[in-house]
């Protein structure tokens, strides 16, 4: 991703600041749901759709290729909260702070 914020540019597309005109605080700090947009992403194995994860962020990716979006979240507007292509995966939320669902996601990653 390229961006308003420096990215690794592994995936194509900008990284944009969360909009400040939604009445919600930026940065987003707290729990939010992740809607799984692809059922075969190995990170989300045995994690229910709509599970809550912990977010602390002011920016979000806007993938050029929508097929890499594995999860999306709504915070004033919808954004990609997890991306996946082949053996590269990334989340916008913090699995290490996301209690049981975060531990499950990290376990799924380790099993790969």
PDB file of N, CA and C in Angstrom:
ATOM      1  N   UNK A   1       0.836  -1.186   0.000  1.00  0.00           N
ATOM      2  CA  UNK A   1       0.000   0.000   0.000  1.00  0.00           C
ATOM      3  C   UNK A   1       0.876   1.242   0.000  1.00  0.00           C
ATOM      4  N   UNK A   2       0.524   2.209  -0.764  1.00  0.00           N
ATOM      5  CA  UNK A   2       1.098   3.545  -0.661  1.00  0.00           C
ATOM      6  C   UNK A   2       0.161   4.336   0.231  1.00  0.00           C
ATOM      7  N   UNK A   3       0.512   5.556   0.633  1.00  0.00           N
ATOM      8  CA  UNK A   3      -0.376   6.172   1.590  1.00  0.00           C
ATOM      9  C   UNK A   3      -0.114   7.615   1.896  1.00  0.00           C
ATOM     10  N   UNK A   4      -1.023   8.133   2.743  1.00  0.00           N
ATOM     11  CA  UNK A   4      -0.782   9.354   3.493  1.00  0.00           C
ATOM     12  C   UNK A   4       0.151   8.969   4.638  1.00  0.00           C
ATOM     13  N   UNK A   5       0.169   7.696   4.962  1.00  0.00           N
ATOM     14  CA  UNK A   5       1.031   7.115   5.989  1.00  0.00           C
ATOM     15  C   UNK A   5       1.952   6.132   5.265  1.00  0.00           C
ATOM     16  N   UNK A   6       3.175   6.004   5.714  1.00  0.00           N
ATOM     17  CA  UNK A   6       4.121   5.100   5.050  1.00  0.00           C
ATOM     18  C   UNK A   6       3.659   3.656   5.192  1.00  0.00           C
ATOM     19  N   UNK A   7       3.600   2.938   4.096  1.00  0.00           N
ATOM     20  CA  UNK A   7       3.225   1.533   4.106  1.00  0.00           C
ATOM     21  C   UNK A   7       4.348   0.690   3.538  1.00  0.00           C
ATOM     22  N   UNK A   8       4.177  -0.617   3.590  1.00  0.00           N
ATOM     23  CA  UNK A   8       5.195  -1.521   3.064  1.00  0.00           C
ATOM     24  C   UNK A   8       5.069  -1.728   1.559  1.00  0.00           C
ATOM     25  N   UNK A   9       3.944  -1.344   0.987  1.00  0.00           N
ATOM     26  CA  UNK A   9       3.679  -1.454  -0.450  1.00  0.00           C
ATOM     27  C   UNK A   9       3.692  -2.900  -0.938  1.00  0.00           C
ATOM     28  N   UNK A  10       3.268  -3.812  -0.069  1.00  0.00           N
ATOM     29  CA  UNK A  10       3.133  -5.218  -0.463  1.00  0.00           C
ATOM     30  C   UNK A  10       1.865  -5.388  -1.281  1.00  0.00           C
ATOM     31  N   UNK A  11       0.808  -4.684  -0.882  1.00  0.00           N
ATOM     32  CA  UNK A  11      -0.447  -4.669  -1.618  1.00  0.00           C
ATOM     33  C   UNK A  11      -0.609  -3.286  -2.237  1.00  0.00           C
ATOM     34  N   UNK A  12      -1.223  -3.228  -3.415  1.00  0.00           N
ATOM     35  CA  UNK A  12      -1.434  -1.940  -4.069  1.00  0.00           C
ATOM     36  C   UNK A  12      -2.645  -1.233  -3.495  1.00  0.00           C
ATOM     37  N   UNK A  13      -2.522   0.077  -3.348  1.00  0.00           N
ATOM     38  CA  UNK A  13      -3.623   0.908  -2.894  1.00  0.00           C
ATOM     39  C   UNK A  13      -3.173   1.856  -1.805  1.00  0.00           C
ATOM     40  N   UNK A  14      -3.899   2.942  -1.621  1.00  0.00           N
ATOM     41  CA  UNK A  14      -3.530   3.925  -0.612  1.00  0.00           C
ATOM     42  C   UNK A  14      -3.926   3.496   0.798  1.00  0.00           C
ATOM     43  N   UNK A  15      -3.341   4.170   1.757  1.00  0.00           N
ATOM     44  CA  UNK A  15      -3.747   4.073   3.155  1.00  0.00           C
ATOM     45  C   UNK A  15      -4.255   5.455   3.514  1.00  0.00           C
ATOM     46  N   UNK A  16      -5.509   5.531   3.987  1.00  0.00           N
ATOM     47  CA  UNK A  16      -6.131   6.826   4.227  1.00  0.00           C
ATOM     48  C   UNK A  16      -6.489   7.002   5.693  1.00  0.00           C
ATOM     49  N   UNK A  17      -6.520   8.252   6.109  1.00  0.00           N
ATOM     50  CA  UNK A  17      -6.928   8.588   7.461  1.00  0.00           C
ATOM     51  C   UNK A  17      -8.433   8.366   7.594  1.00  0.00           C
ATOM     52  N   UNK A  18      -8.862   7.866   8.752  1.00  0.00           N
ATOM     53  CA  UNK A  18     -10.291   7.741   9.016  1.00  0.00           C
ATOM     54  C   UNK A  18     -10.930   9.119   8.896  1.00  0.00           C
ATOM     55  N   UNK A  19     -12.113   9.203   8.312  1.00  0.00           N
ATOM     56  CA  UNK A  19     -12.737  10.518   8.161  1.00  0.00           C
ATOM     57  C   UNK A  19     -13.114  11.102   9.527  1.00  0.00           C
ATOM     58  N   UNK A  20     -12.892  12.385   9.663  1.00  0.00           N
ATOM     59  CA  UNK A  20     -13.193  13.050  10.927  1.00  0.00           C
ATOM     60  C   UNK A  20     -14.568  13.682  10.971  1.00  0.00           C
ATOM     61  N   UNK A  21     -15.357  13.536   9.908  1.00  0.00           N
ATOM     62  CA  UNK A  21     -16.657  14.195   9.830  1.00  0.00           C
ATOM     63  C   UNK A  21     -17.824  13.266  10.139  1.00  0.00           C
ATOM     64  N   UNK A  22     -17.568  12.165  10.831  1.00  0.00           N
ATOM     65  CA  UNK A  22     -18.631  11.184  11.097  1.00  0.00           C
ATOM     66  C   UNK A  22     -19.219  11.318  12.495  1.00  0.00           C
ATOM     67  N   UNK A  23     -18.650  12.194  13.312  1.00  0.00           N
ATOM     68  CA  UNK A  23     -19.101  12.312  14.694  1.00  0.00           C
ATOM     69  C   UNK A  23     -18.433  11.314  15.618  1.00  0.00           C
ATOM     70  N   UNK A  24     -17.572  10.460  15.070  1.00  0.00           N
ATOM     71  CA  UNK A  24     -16.844   9.477  15.867  1.00  0.00           C
ATOM     72  C   UNK A  24     -15.426   9.970  16.115  1.00  0.00           C
ATOM     73  N   UNK A  25     -14.851   9.553  17.228  1.00  0.00           N
ATOM     74  CA  UNK A  25     -13.496   9.976  17.568  1.00  0.00           C
ATOM     75  C   UNK A  25     -12.458   9.276  16.701  1.00  0.00           C
ATOM     76  N   UNK A  26     -11.456  10.031  16.323  1.00  0.00           N
ATOM     77  CA  UNK A  26     -10.286   9.502  15.615  1.00  0.00           C
ATOM     78  C   UNK A  26      -9.082   9.877  16.460  1.00  0.00           C
ATOM     79  N   UNK A  27      -8.287   8.896  16.867  1.00  0.00           N
ATOM     80  CA  UNK A  27      -8.275   7.508  16.421  1.00  0.00           C
ATOM     81  C   UNK A  27      -9.428   6.697  17.005  1.00  0.00           C
ATOM     82  N   UNK A  28      -9.769   5.621  16.287  1.00  0.00           N
ATOM     83  CA  UNK A  28     -10.725   4.650  16.817  1.00  0.00           C
ATOM     84  C   UNK A  28      -9.974   3.828  17.851  1.00  0.00           C
ATOM     85  N   UNK A  29     -10.491   3.798  19.055  1.00  0.00           N
ATOM     86  CA  UNK A  29      -9.904   2.991  20.128  1.00  0.00           C
ATOM     87  C   UNK A  29     -11.037   2.208  20.761  1.00  0.00           C
ATOM     88  N   UNK A  30     -10.992   0.892  20.606  1.00  0.00           N
ATOM     89  CA  UNK A  30     -12.015   0.063  21.223  1.00  0.00           C
ATOM     90  C   UNK A  30     -12.394  -1.129  20.372  1.00  0.00           C
ATOM     91  N   UNK A  31     -13.445  -1.796  20.821  1.00  0.00           N
ATOM     92  CA  UNK A  31     -13.922  -3.024  20.204  1.00  0.00           C
ATOM     93  C   UNK A  31     -14.819  -2.727  19.016  1.00  0.00           C
ATOM     94  N   UNK A  32     -14.679  -3.554  17.980  1.00  0.00           N
ATOM     95  CA  UNK A  32     -15.546  -3.444  16.818  1.00  0.00           C
ATOM     96  C   UNK A  32     -15.617  -4.796  16.128  1.00  0.00           C
ATOM     97  N   UNK A  33     -16.691  -4.975  15.379  1.00  0.00           N
ATOM     98  CA  UNK A  33     -16.901  -6.248  14.688  1.00  0.00           C
ATOM     99  C   UNK A  33     -16.154  -6.307  13.362  1.00  0.00           C
ATOM    100  N   UNK A  34     -15.761  -7.528  13.004  1.00  0.00           N
ATOM    101  CA  UNK A  34     -15.150  -7.785  11.704  1.00  0.00           C
ATOM    102  C   UNK A  34     -16.064  -8.729  10.942  1.00  0.00           C
ATOM    103  N   UNK A  35     -16.544  -8.258   9.806  1.00  0.00           N
ATOM    104  CA  UNK A  35     -17.351  -9.082   8.912  1.00  0.00           C
ATOM    105  C   UNK A  35     -16.399  -9.789   7.952  1.00  0.00           C
ATOM    106  N   UNK A  36     -16.430 -11.095   7.962  1.00  0.00           N
ATOM    107  CA  UNK A  36     -15.557 -11.871   7.081  1.00  0.00           C
ATOM    108  C   UNK A  36     -16.113 -11.826   5.667  1.00  0.00           C
ATOM    109  N   UNK A  37     -15.297 -11.365   4.736  1.00  0.00           N
ATOM    110  CA  UNK A  37     -15.755 -11.223   3.360  1.00  0.00           C
ATOM    111  C   UNK A  37     -15.364 -12.407   2.488  1.00  0.00           C
ATOM    112  N   UNK A  38     -14.508 -13.259   3.026  1.00  0.00           N
ATOM    113  CA  UNK A  38     -14.148 -14.491   2.324  1.00  0.00           C
ATOM    114  C   UNK A  38     -14.129 -15.617   3.360  1.00  0.00           C
ATOM    115  N   UNK A  39     -14.765 -16.698   3.077  1.00  0.00           N
ATOM    116  CA  UNK A  39     -14.914 -17.784   4.050  1.00  0.00           C
ATOM    117  C   UNK A  39     -13.699 -18.702   4.138  1.00  0.00           C
ATOM    118  N   UNK A  40     -12.752 -18.564   3.226  1.00  0.00           N
ATOM    119  CA  UNK A  40     -11.623 -19.493   3.240  1.00  0.00           C
ATOM    120  C   UNK A  40     -10.325 -18.871   3.758  1.00  0.00           C
ATOM    121  N   UNK A  41     -10.391 -17.678   4.331  1.00  0.00           N
ATOM    122  CA  UNK A  41      -9.177 -17.070   4.882  1.00  0.00           C
ATOM    123  C   UNK A  41      -8.730 -17.872   6.104  1.00  0.00           C
ATOM    124  N   UNK A  42      -7.499 -18.395   6.092  1.00  0.00           N
ATOM    125  CA  UNK A  42      -7.054 -19.248   7.195  1.00  0.00           C
ATOM    126  C   UNK A  42      -6.942 -18.527   8.536  1.00  0.00           C
ATOM    127  N   UNK A  43      -6.816 -17.219   8.542  1.00  0.00           N
ATOM    128  CA  UNK A  43      -6.763 -16.491   9.814  1.00  0.00           C
ATOM    129  C   UNK A  43      -8.066 -16.614  10.597  1.00  0.00           C
ATOM    130  N   UNK A  44      -9.190 -16.671   9.883  1.00  0.00           N
ATOM    131  CA  UNK A  44     -10.501 -16.667  10.530  1.00  0.00           C
ATOM    132  C   UNK A  44     -11.100 -18.064  10.735  1.00  0.00           C
ATOM    133  N   UNK A  45     -10.279 -19.112  10.558  1.00  0.00           N
ATOM    134  CA  UNK A  45     -10.788 -20.471  10.751  1.00  0.00           C
ATOM    135  C   UNK A  45     -11.342 -20.625  12.166  1.00  0.00           C
ATOM    136  N   UNK A  46     -12.560 -21.086  12.285  1.00  0.00           N
ATOM    137  CA  UNK A  46     -13.263 -21.311  13.557  1.00  0.00           C
ATOM    138  C   UNK A  46     -13.505 -20.030  14.358  1.00  0.00           C
ATOM    139  N   UNK A  47     -13.514 -18.897  13.689  1.00  0.00           N
ATOM    140  CA  UNK A  47     -13.873 -17.623  14.310  1.00  0.00           C
ATOM    141  C   UNK A  47     -15.198 -17.197  13.694  1.00  0.00           C
ATOM    142  N   UNK A  48     -16.201 -16.918  14.520  1.00  0.00           N
ATOM    143  CA  UNK A  48     -17.510 -16.566  13.954  1.00  0.00           C
ATOM    144  C   UNK A  48     -17.485 -15.230  13.215  1.00  0.00           C
ATOM    145  N   UNK A  49     -18.256 -15.172  12.141  1.00  0.00           N
ATOM    146  CA  UNK A  49     -18.422 -13.917  11.421  1.00  0.00           C
ATOM    147  C   UNK A  49     -19.014 -12.888  12.383  1.00  0.00           C
ATOM    148  N   UNK A  50     -18.512 -11.669  12.337  1.00  0.00           N
ATOM    149  CA  UNK A  50     -19.004 -10.625  13.226  1.00  0.00           C
ATOM    150  C   UNK A  50     -18.330 -10.611  14.586  1.00  0.00           C
ATOM    151  N   UNK A  51     -17.285 -11.416  14.766  1.00  0.00           N
ATOM    152  CA  UNK A  51     -16.561 -11.436  16.041  1.00  0.00           C
ATOM    153  C   UNK A  51     -15.953 -10.060  16.300  1.00  0.00           C
ATOM    154  N   UNK A  52     -15.805  -9.744  17.575  1.00  0.00           N
ATOM    155  CA  UNK A  52     -15.235  -8.458  17.977  1.00  0.00           C
ATOM    156  C   UNK A  52     -13.720  -8.572  18.153  1.00  0.00           C
ATOM    157  N   UNK A  53     -13.021  -7.538  17.670  1.00  0.00           N
ATOM    158  CA  UNK A  53     -11.583  -7.408  17.835  1.00  0.00           C
ATOM    159  C   UNK A  53     -11.296  -5.989  18.315  1.00  0.00           C
ATOM    160  N   UNK A  54     -10.101  -5.789  18.870  1.00  0.00           N
ATOM    161  CA  UNK A  54      -9.737  -4.505  19.461  1.00  0.00           C
ATOM    162  C   UNK A  54      -8.931  -3.665  18.466  1.00  0.00           C
ATOM    163  N   UNK A  55      -9.400  -2.448  18.236  1.00  0.00           N
ATOM    164  CA  UNK A  55      -8.788  -1.525  17.279  1.00  0.00           C
ATOM    165  C   UNK A  55      -8.159  -0.333  17.998  1.00  0.00           C
ATOM    166  N   UNK A  56      -7.019   0.102  17.511  1.00  0.00           N
ATOM    167  CA  UNK A  56      -6.394   1.367  17.887  1.00  0.00           C
ATOM    168  C   UNK A  56      -5.747   1.874  16.601  1.00  0.00           C
ATOM    169  N   UNK A  57      -6.438   2.769  15.892  1.00  0.00           N
ATOM    170  CA  UNK A  57      -5.900   3.229  14.608  1.00  0.00           C
ATOM    171  C   UNK A  57      -6.555   4.530  14.158  1.00  0.00           C
ATOM    172  N   UNK A  58      -5.830   5.224  13.306  1.00  0.00           N
ATOM    173  CA  UNK A  58      -6.334   6.440  12.669  1.00  0.00           C
ATOM    174  C   UNK A  58      -6.385   6.297  11.155  1.00  0.00           C
ATOM    175  N   UNK A  59      -5.752   5.247  10.625  1.00  0.00           N
ATOM    176  CA  UNK A  59      -5.663   5.029   9.189  1.00  0.00           C
ATOM    177  C   UNK A  59      -6.223   3.661   8.830  1.00  0.00           C
ATOM    178  N   UNK A  60      -6.552   3.490   7.552  1.00  0.00           N
ATOM    179  CA  UNK A  60      -7.020   2.196   7.061  1.00  0.00           C
ATOM    180  C   UNK A  60      -6.603   2.030   5.606  1.00  0.00           C
ATOM    181  N   UNK A  61      -6.387   0.781   5.179  1.00  0.00           N
ATOM    182  CA  UNK A  61      -6.010   0.549   3.782  1.00  0.00           C
ATOM    183  C   UNK A  61      -7.223   0.623   2.857  1.00  0.00           C
ATOM    184  N   UNK A  62      -6.962   0.997   1.637  1.00  0.00           N
ATOM    185  CA  UNK A  62      -7.972   0.979   0.574  1.00  0.00           C
ATOM    186  C   UNK A  62      -7.378   0.142  -0.564  1.00  0.00           C
ATOM    187  N   UNK A  63      -7.544  -1.180  -0.488  1.00  0.00           N
ATOM    188  CA  UNK A  63      -6.905  -2.054  -1.481  1.00  0.00           C
ATOM    189  C   UNK A  63      -7.381  -1.780  -2.902  1.00  0.00           C
ATOM    190  N   UNK A  64      -6.427  -1.743  -3.814  1.00  0.00           N
ATOM    191  CA  UNK A  64      -6.756  -1.594  -5.238  1.00  0.00           C
ATOM    192  C   UNK A  64      -7.527  -2.822  -5.723  1.00  0.00           C
ATOM    193  N   UNK A  65      -7.156  -3.991  -5.212  1.00  0.00           N
ATOM    194  CA  UNK A  65      -7.809  -5.245  -5.575  1.00  0.00           C
ATOM    195  C   UNK A  65      -8.766  -5.653  -4.455  1.00  0.00           C
ATOM    196  N   UNK A  66     -10.077  -5.503  -4.635  1.00  0.00           N
ATOM    197  CA  UNK A  66     -11.019  -5.853  -3.572  1.00  0.00           C
ATOM    198  C   UNK A  66     -11.002  -7.339  -3.205  1.00  0.00           C
ATOM    199  N   UNK A  67     -10.446  -8.180  -4.066  1.00  0.00           N
ATOM    200  CA  UNK A  67     -10.399  -9.621  -3.789  1.00  0.00           C
ATOM    201  C   UNK A  67      -9.493  -9.958  -2.610  1.00  0.00           C
ATOM    202  N   UNK A  68      -8.584  -9.059  -2.225  1.00  0.00           N
ATOM    203  CA  UNK A  68      -7.692  -9.353  -1.098  1.00  0.00           C
ATOM    204  C   UNK A  68      -8.325  -9.021   0.254  1.00  0.00           C
ATOM    205  N   UNK A  69      -9.487  -8.393   0.259  1.00  0.00           N
ATOM    206  CA  UNK A  69     -10.142  -8.023   1.516  1.00  0.00           C
ATOM    207  C   UNK A  69     -10.757  -9.273   2.142  1.00  0.00           C
ATOM    208  N   UNK A  70     -10.239  -9.659   3.297  1.00  0.00           N
ATOM    209  CA  UNK A  70     -10.733 -10.838   4.010  1.00  0.00           C
ATOM    210  C   UNK A  70     -11.706 -10.456   5.118  1.00  0.00           C
ATOM    211  N   UNK A  71     -11.657  -9.196   5.550  1.00  0.00           N
ATOM    212  CA  UNK A  71     -12.555  -8.724   6.593  1.00  0.00           C
ATOM    213  C   UNK A  71     -12.786  -7.238   6.451  1.00  0.00           C
ATOM    214  N   UNK A  72     -13.995  -6.805   6.802  1.00  0.00           N
ATOM    215  CA  UNK A  72     -14.290  -5.377   6.771  1.00  0.00           C
ATOM    216  C   UNK A  72     -15.019  -4.982   8.045  1.00  0.00           C
ATOM    217  N   UNK A  73     -14.903  -3.705   8.365  1.00  0.00           N
ATOM    218  CA  UNK A  73     -15.441  -3.166   9.612  1.00  0.00           C
ATOM    219  C   UNK A  73     -16.082  -1.823   9.304  1.00  0.00           C
ATOM    220  N   UNK A  74     -17.071  -1.458  10.110  1.00  0.00           N
ATOM    221  CA  UNK A  74     -17.723  -0.166   9.944  1.00  0.00           C
ATOM    222  C   UNK A  74     -17.409   0.720  11.143  1.00  0.00           C
ATOM    223  N   UNK A  75     -16.854   1.883  10.864  1.00  0.00           N
ATOM    224  CA  UNK A  75     -16.614   2.905  11.891  1.00  0.00           C
ATOM    225  C   UNK A  75     -16.779   4.251  11.191  1.00  0.00           C
ATOM    226  N   UNK A  76     -18.001   4.703  11.125  1.00  0.00           N
ATOM    227  CA  UNK A  76     -18.297   5.917  10.373  1.00  0.00           C
ATOM    228  C   UNK A  76     -18.430   5.650   8.891  1.00  0.00           C
ATOM    229  N   UNK A  77     -17.678   4.735   8.403  1.00  0.00           N
ATOM    230  CA  UNK A  77     -17.776   4.220   7.038  1.00  0.00           C
ATOM    231  C   UNK A  77     -17.113   2.839   7.029  1.00  0.00           C
ATOM    232  N   UNK A  78     -17.363   2.081   5.988  1.00  0.00           N
ATOM    233  CA  UNK A  78     -16.814   0.728   5.894  1.00  0.00           C
ATOM    234  C   UNK A  78     -15.360   0.783   5.405  1.00  0.00           C
ATOM    235  N   UNK A  79     -14.513  -0.056   6.004  1.00  0.00           N
ATOM    236  CA  UNK A  79     -13.117  -0.125   5.585  1.00  0.00           C
ATOM    237  C   UNK A  79     -12.601  -1.551   5.701  1.00  0.00           C
ATOM    238  N   UNK A  80     -11.534  -1.843   4.962  1.00  0.00           N
ATOM    239  CA  UNK A  80     -10.894  -3.157   5.022  1.00  0.00           C
ATOM    240  C   UNK A  80     -10.165  -3.274   6.358  1.00  0.00           C
ATOM    241  N   UNK A  81     -10.513  -4.303   7.141  1.00  0.00           N
ATOM    242  CA  UNK A  81      -9.853  -4.500   8.434  1.00  0.00           C
ATOM    243  C   UNK A  81      -8.966  -5.740   8.453  1.00  0.00           C
ATOM    244  N   UNK A  82      -8.994  -6.533   7.380  1.00  0.00           N
ATOM    245  CA  UNK A  82      -8.085  -7.672   7.226  1.00  0.00           C
ATOM    246  C   UNK A  82      -7.893  -7.902   5.732  1.00  0.00           C
ATOM    247  N   UNK A  83      -6.653  -8.153   5.338  1.00  0.00           N
ATOM    248  CA  UNK A  83      -6.349  -8.453   3.941  1.00  0.00           C
ATOM    249  C   UNK A  83      -5.555  -9.754   3.881  1.00  0.00           C
ATOM    250  N   UNK A  84      -5.694 -10.437   2.751  1.00  0.00           N
ATOM    251  CA  UNK A  84      -5.038 -11.739   2.583  1.00  0.00           C
ATOM    252  C   UNK A  84      -4.849 -12.024   1.102  1.00  0.00           C
ATOM    253  N   UNK A  85      -3.628 -12.404   0.763  1.00  0.00           N
ATOM    254  CA  UNK A  85      -3.322 -12.876  -0.590  1.00  0.00           C
ATOM    255  C   UNK A  85      -2.168 -13.855  -0.469  1.00  0.00           C
ATOM    256  N   UNK A  86      -2.419 -15.087  -0.880  1.00  0.00           N
ATOM    257  CA  UNK A  86      -1.428 -16.162  -0.827  1.00  0.00           C
ATOM    258  C   UNK A  86      -0.897 -16.307   0.599  1.00  0.00           C
ATOM    259  N   UNK A  87       0.378 -16.040   0.824  1.00  0.00           N
ATOM    260  CA  UNK A  87       0.925 -16.248   2.171  1.00  0.00           C
ATOM    261  C   UNK A  87       1.153 -14.938   2.936  1.00  0.00           C
ATOM    262  N   UNK A  88       0.528 -13.849   2.482  1.00  0.00           N
ATOM    263  CA  UNK A  88       0.661 -12.563   3.163  1.00  0.00           C
ATOM    264  C   UNK A  88      -0.700 -12.167   3.726  1.00  0.00           C
ATOM    265  N   UNK A  89      -0.726 -11.888   5.028  1.00  0.00           N
ATOM    266  CA  UNK A  89      -1.959 -11.525   5.717  1.00  0.00           C
ATOM    267  C   UNK A  89      -1.683 -10.351   6.641  1.00  0.00           C
ATOM    268  N   UNK A  90      -2.667  -9.478   6.800  1.00  0.00           N
ATOM    269  CA  UNK A  90      -2.514  -8.338   7.695  1.00  0.00           C
ATOM    270  C   UNK A  90      -3.870  -7.969   8.274  1.00  0.00           C
ATOM    271  N   UNK A  91      -3.852  -7.454   9.499  1.00  0.00           N
ATOM    272  CA  UNK A  91      -5.079  -6.988  10.130  1.00  0.00           C
ATOM    273  C   UNK A  91      -4.912  -5.546  10.569  1.00  0.00           C
ATOM    274  N   UNK A  92      -6.001  -4.806  10.550  1.00  0.00           N
ATOM    275  CA  UNK A  92      -6.010  -3.426  11.015  1.00  0.00           C
ATOM    276  C   UNK A  92      -6.207  -3.388  12.527  1.00  0.00           C
ATOM    277  N   UNK A  93      -6.761  -4.432  13.086  1.00  0.00           N
ATOM    278  CA  UNK A  93      -6.990  -4.534  14.526  1.00  0.00           C
ATOM    279  C   UNK A  93      -5.800  -5.198  15.198  1.00  0.00           C
ATOM    280  N   UNK A  94      -5.828  -5.243  16.509  1.00  0.00           N
ATOM    281  CA  UNK A  94      -4.738  -5.817  17.301  1.00  0.00           C
ATOM    282  C   UNK A  94      -5.161  -7.185  17.852  1.00  0.00           C
ATOM    283  N   UNK A  95      -4.741  -8.282  17.213  1.00  0.00           N
ATOM    284  CA  UNK A  95      -5.109  -9.600  17.738  1.00  0.00           C
ATOM    285  C   UNK A  95      -4.602  -9.819  19.164  1.00  0.00           C
ATOM    286  N   UNK A  96      -3.412  -9.304  19.460  1.00  0.00           N
ATOM    287  CA  UNK A  96      -2.815  -9.528  20.786  1.00  0.00           C
ATOM    288  C   UNK A  96      -3.595  -8.848  21.905  1.00  0.00           C
ATOM    289  N   UNK A  97      -4.496  -7.935  21.560  1.00  0.00           N
ATOM    290  CA  UNK A  97      -5.321  -7.254  22.565  1.00  0.00           C
ATOM    291  C   UNK A  97      -6.780  -7.692  22.478  1.00  0.00           C
ATOM    292  N   UNK A  98      -7.056  -8.669  21.628  1.00  0.00           N
ATOM    293  CA  UNK A  98      -8.430  -9.033  21.313  1.00  0.00           C
ATOM    294  C   UNK A  98      -8.926 -10.279  22.041  1.00  0.00           C
ATOM    295  N   UNK A  99      -8.347 -10.580  23.170  1.00  0.00           N
ATOM    296  CA  UNK A  99      -8.783 -11.653  24.053  1.00  0.00           C
ATOM    297  C   UNK A  99      -8.938 -12.985  23.314  1.00  0.00           C
ATOM    298  N   UNK A 100     -10.024 -13.705  23.568  1.00  0.00           N
ATOM    299  CA  UNK A 100     -10.188 -15.063  23.062  1.00  0.00           C
ATOM    300  C   UNK A 100     -10.146 -15.152  21.531  1.00  0.00           C
ATOM    301  N   UNK A 101     -10.834 -14.231  20.851  1.00  0.00           N
ATOM    302  CA  UNK A 101     -10.840 -14.268  19.380  1.00  0.00           C
ATOM    303  C   UNK A 101      -9.454 -13.932  18.832  1.00  0.00           C
ATOM    304  N   UNK A 102      -8.760 -13.017  19.473  1.00  0.00           N
ATOM    305  CA  UNK A 102      -7.404 -12.684  19.054  1.00  0.00           C
ATOM    306  C   UNK A 102      -6.446 -13.844  19.234  1.00  0.00           C
ATOM    307  N   UNK A 103      -6.581 -14.549  20.361  1.00  0.00           N
ATOM    308  CA  UNK A 103      -5.741 -15.723  20.585  1.00  0.00           C
ATOM    309  C   UNK A 103      -6.016 -16.805  19.547  1.00  0.00           C
ATOM    310  N   UNK A 104      -7.288 -16.972  19.191  1.00  0.00           N
ATOM    311  CA  UNK A 104      -7.634 -17.961  18.169  1.00  0.00           C
ATOM    312  C   UNK A 104      -7.018 -17.569  16.824  1.00  0.00           C
ATOM    313  N   UNK A 105      -7.114 -16.287  16.464  1.00  0.00           N
ATOM    314  CA  UNK A 105      -6.544 -15.825  15.206  1.00  0.00           C
ATOM    315  C   UNK A 105      -5.032 -16.025  15.195  1.00  0.00           C
ATOM    316  N   UNK A 106      -4.358 -15.673  16.286  1.00  0.00           N
ATOM    317  CA  UNK A 106      -2.908 -15.888  16.370  1.00  0.00           C
ATOM    318  C   UNK A 106      -2.549 -17.369  16.300  1.00  0.00           C
ATOM    319  N   UNK A 107      -3.365 -18.209  16.937  1.00  0.00           N
ATOM    320  CA  UNK A 107      -3.152 -19.653  16.846  1.00  0.00           C
ATOM    321  C   UNK A 107      -3.297 -20.152  15.425  1.00  0.00           C
ATOM    322  N   UNK A 108      -4.298 -19.642  14.708  1.00  0.00           N
ATOM    323  CA  UNK A 108      -4.475 -20.012  13.308  1.00  0.00           C
ATOM    324  C   UNK A 108      -3.250 -19.617  12.483  1.00  0.00           C
ATOM    325  N   UNK A 109      -2.708 -18.437  12.765  1.00  0.00           N
ATOM    326  CA  UNK A 109      -1.514 -17.979  12.050  1.00  0.00           C
ATOM    327  C   UNK A 109      -0.340 -18.903  12.337  1.00  0.00           C
ATOM    328  N   UNK A 110      -0.158 -19.279  13.593  1.00  0.00           N
ATOM    329  CA  UNK A 110       0.956 -20.154  13.954  1.00  0.00           C
ATOM    330  C   UNK A 110       0.835 -21.526  13.312  1.00  0.00           C
ATOM    331  N   UNK A 111      -0.387 -22.006  13.142  1.00  0.00           N
ATOM    332  CA  UNK A 111      -0.606 -23.322  12.517  1.00  0.00           C
ATOM    333  C   UNK A 111      -0.257 -23.327  11.038  1.00  0.00           C
ATOM    334  N   UNK A 112      -0.196 -22.161  10.429  1.00  0.00           N
ATOM    335  CA  UNK A 112       0.152 -22.099   9.005  1.00  0.00           C
ATOM    336  C   UNK A 112       1.608 -22.448   8.850  1.00  0.00           C
TER     337      UNK A 112
END
